[in-house]
Protein backbone atom coordinates (compact mmCIF):
# COMPACT_ATOMS: atom_id res chain seq x y z
CA UNK A 1 -13.28 -20.22 6.81
CA UNK A 2 -14.88 -16.98 8.10
CA UNK A 3 -11.21 -15.22 7.36
CA UNK A 4 -11.50 -16.63 3.69
CA UNK A 5 -14.85 -15.35 2.98
CA UNK A 6 -14.03 -11.97 4.78
CA UNK A 7 -10.62 -11.43 2.23
CA UNK A 8 -12.73 -12.57 -0.46
CA UNK A 9 -15.60 -10.38 0.11
CA UNK A 10 -13.29 -7.19 0.62
CA UNK A 11 -11.19 -7.63 -2.56
CA UNK A 12 -14.45 -8.11 -4.49
CA UNK A 13 -15.90 -5.60 -3.19
CA UNK A 14 -12.64 -3.19 -3.90
CA UNK A 15 -12.53 -4.26 -7.31
CA UNK A 16 -16.10 -3.22 -7.81
CA UNK A 17 -15.15 0.20 -7.20
CA UNK A 18 -12.27 0.26 -8.88
CA UNK A 19 -14.11 -1.54 -11.90
CA UNK A 20 -16.28 1.67 -12.13
CA UNK A 21 -13.33 3.95 -12.18
CA UNK A 22 -11.91 2.01 -15.37
CA UNK A 23 -8.81 0.61 -13.64
CA UNK A 24 -7.42 -2.65 -12.61
CA UNK A 25 -6.89 -4.31 -9.02
CA UNK A 26 -3.49 -5.98 -8.51
CA UNK A 27 -3.00 -7.75 -5.33
CA UNK A 28 0.18 -8.11 -4.29
CA UNK A 29 1.81 -10.23 -1.79
CA UNK A 30 5.67 -10.26 -1.15
CA UNK A 31 8.08 -12.70 -0.04
CA UNK A 32 8.49 -13.30 3.61
CA UNK A 33 12.32 -14.12 3.83
CA UNK A 34 11.40 -16.95 6.84
CA UNK A 35 8.85 -18.90 4.02
CA UNK A 36 11.79 -20.48 2.54
CA UNK A 37 11.19 -23.29 5.11
CA UNK A 38 9.27 -25.81 4.43
CA UNK A 39 7.10 -26.17 7.45
CA UNK A 40 6.12 -22.70 6.73
CA UNK A 41 5.21 -23.05 3.29
CA UNK A 42 1.62 -24.44 4.11
CA UNK A 43 0.78 -22.52 7.25
CA UNK A 44 -2.60 -21.93 8.28
CA UNK A 45 -2.12 -18.45 7.23
CA UNK A 46 -0.74 -19.62 3.76
CA UNK A 47 -3.96 -21.81 3.56
CA UNK A 48 -6.48 -19.06 4.12
CA UNK A 49 -4.83 -16.62 1.68
CA UNK A 50 -4.39 -20.00 -1.15
CA UNK A 51 -8.48 -20.10 -0.51
CA UNK A 52 -8.90 -16.52 -0.73
CA UNK A 53 -7.36 -16.39 -3.90
CA UNK A 54 -9.08 -19.42 -5.27
CA UNK A 55 -12.09 -17.88 -4.27
CA UNK A 56 -11.76 -14.53 -5.82
CA UNK A 57 -10.38 -15.78 -9.18
CA UNK A 58 -13.56 -17.98 -9.29
CA UNK A 59 -15.79 -15.11 -9.03
CA UNK A 60 -13.43 -12.30 -11.03
CA UNK A 61 -11.02 -12.55 -13.91
CA UNK A 62 -10.35 -8.93 -13.29
CA UNK A 63 -8.34 -9.09 -10.13
CA UNK A 64 -4.66 -9.58 -10.76
CA UNK A 65 -2.52 -11.31 -8.43
CA UNK A 66 1.43 -11.06 -7.86
CA UNK A 67 2.23 -13.62 -5.34
CA UNK A 68 5.59 -14.57 -4.15
CA UNK A 69 4.95 -16.02 -0.98
CA UNK A 70 6.40 -19.02 -2.22
CA UNK A 71 8.96 -17.69 -5.29
CA UNK A 72 12.57 -19.29 -4.77
CA UNK A 73 13.53 -16.06 -6.51
CA UNK A 74 13.08 -14.27 -3.55
CA UNK A 75 13.49 -16.82 -0.54
CA UNK A 76 16.16 -18.10 1.77
CA UNK A 77 19.52 -16.54 3.04
CA UNK A 78 21.04 -15.92 -0.83
CA UNK A 79 18.35 -13.69 -1.38
CA UNK A 80 18.55 -11.64 1.73
CA UNK A 81 18.91 -8.54 -0.06
CA UNK A 82 15.48 -8.46 -0.73
CA UNK A 83 14.64 -7.86 2.89
CA UNK A 84 14.69 -5.08 5.58
CA UNK A 85 15.40 -7.58 8.95
CA UNK A 86 14.14 -10.55 6.82
CA UNK A 87 10.62 -9.45 6.90
CA UNK A 88 9.91 -6.34 4.94
CA UNK A 89 10.74 -6.10 1.18
CA UNK A 90 13.59 -4.06 0.02
CA UNK A 91 13.93 -1.37 -2.34
CA UNK A 92 15.57 -3.77 -4.81
CA UNK A 93 12.01 -5.79 -4.34
CA UNK A 94 10.38 -2.80 -5.01
CA UNK A 95 12.13 -2.11 -8.28
CA UNK A 96 11.57 -5.39 -9.54
CA UNK A 97 7.80 -5.26 -8.27
CA UNK A 98 7.33 -1.91 -10.28
CA UNK A 99 8.91 -3.75 -13.35
CA UNK A 100 6.62 -6.65 -13.07
CA UNK A 101 3.50 -4.00 -12.37
CA UNK A 102 4.26 -2.01 -15.34
CA UNK A 103 4.45 -5.01 -17.81
CA UNK A 104 0.74 -6.42 -16.19
CA UNK A 105 -1.14 -3.11 -16.63
């Protein structure tokens, strides 16, 4: 759980600084093509991130999240145009992310 504590602490510290500047923190977790595989949906990495998000939300209502790790809109071969080499988000994802961020803030 050390990783969970470390992630939670870092995001909360960033939020503290950003809050003093009158801005908001948005944590973006883009999709990864391979997570359409059900065996990877509950990987140890995803469990750590899930626990960290839960801990952050318990301590701060100010931090916003866009978490697309499990979003069927972006996952799987049928959505491969959202990726470069299946592991980096493409400009198409960037355009949609920008629209979503604009609506949040």
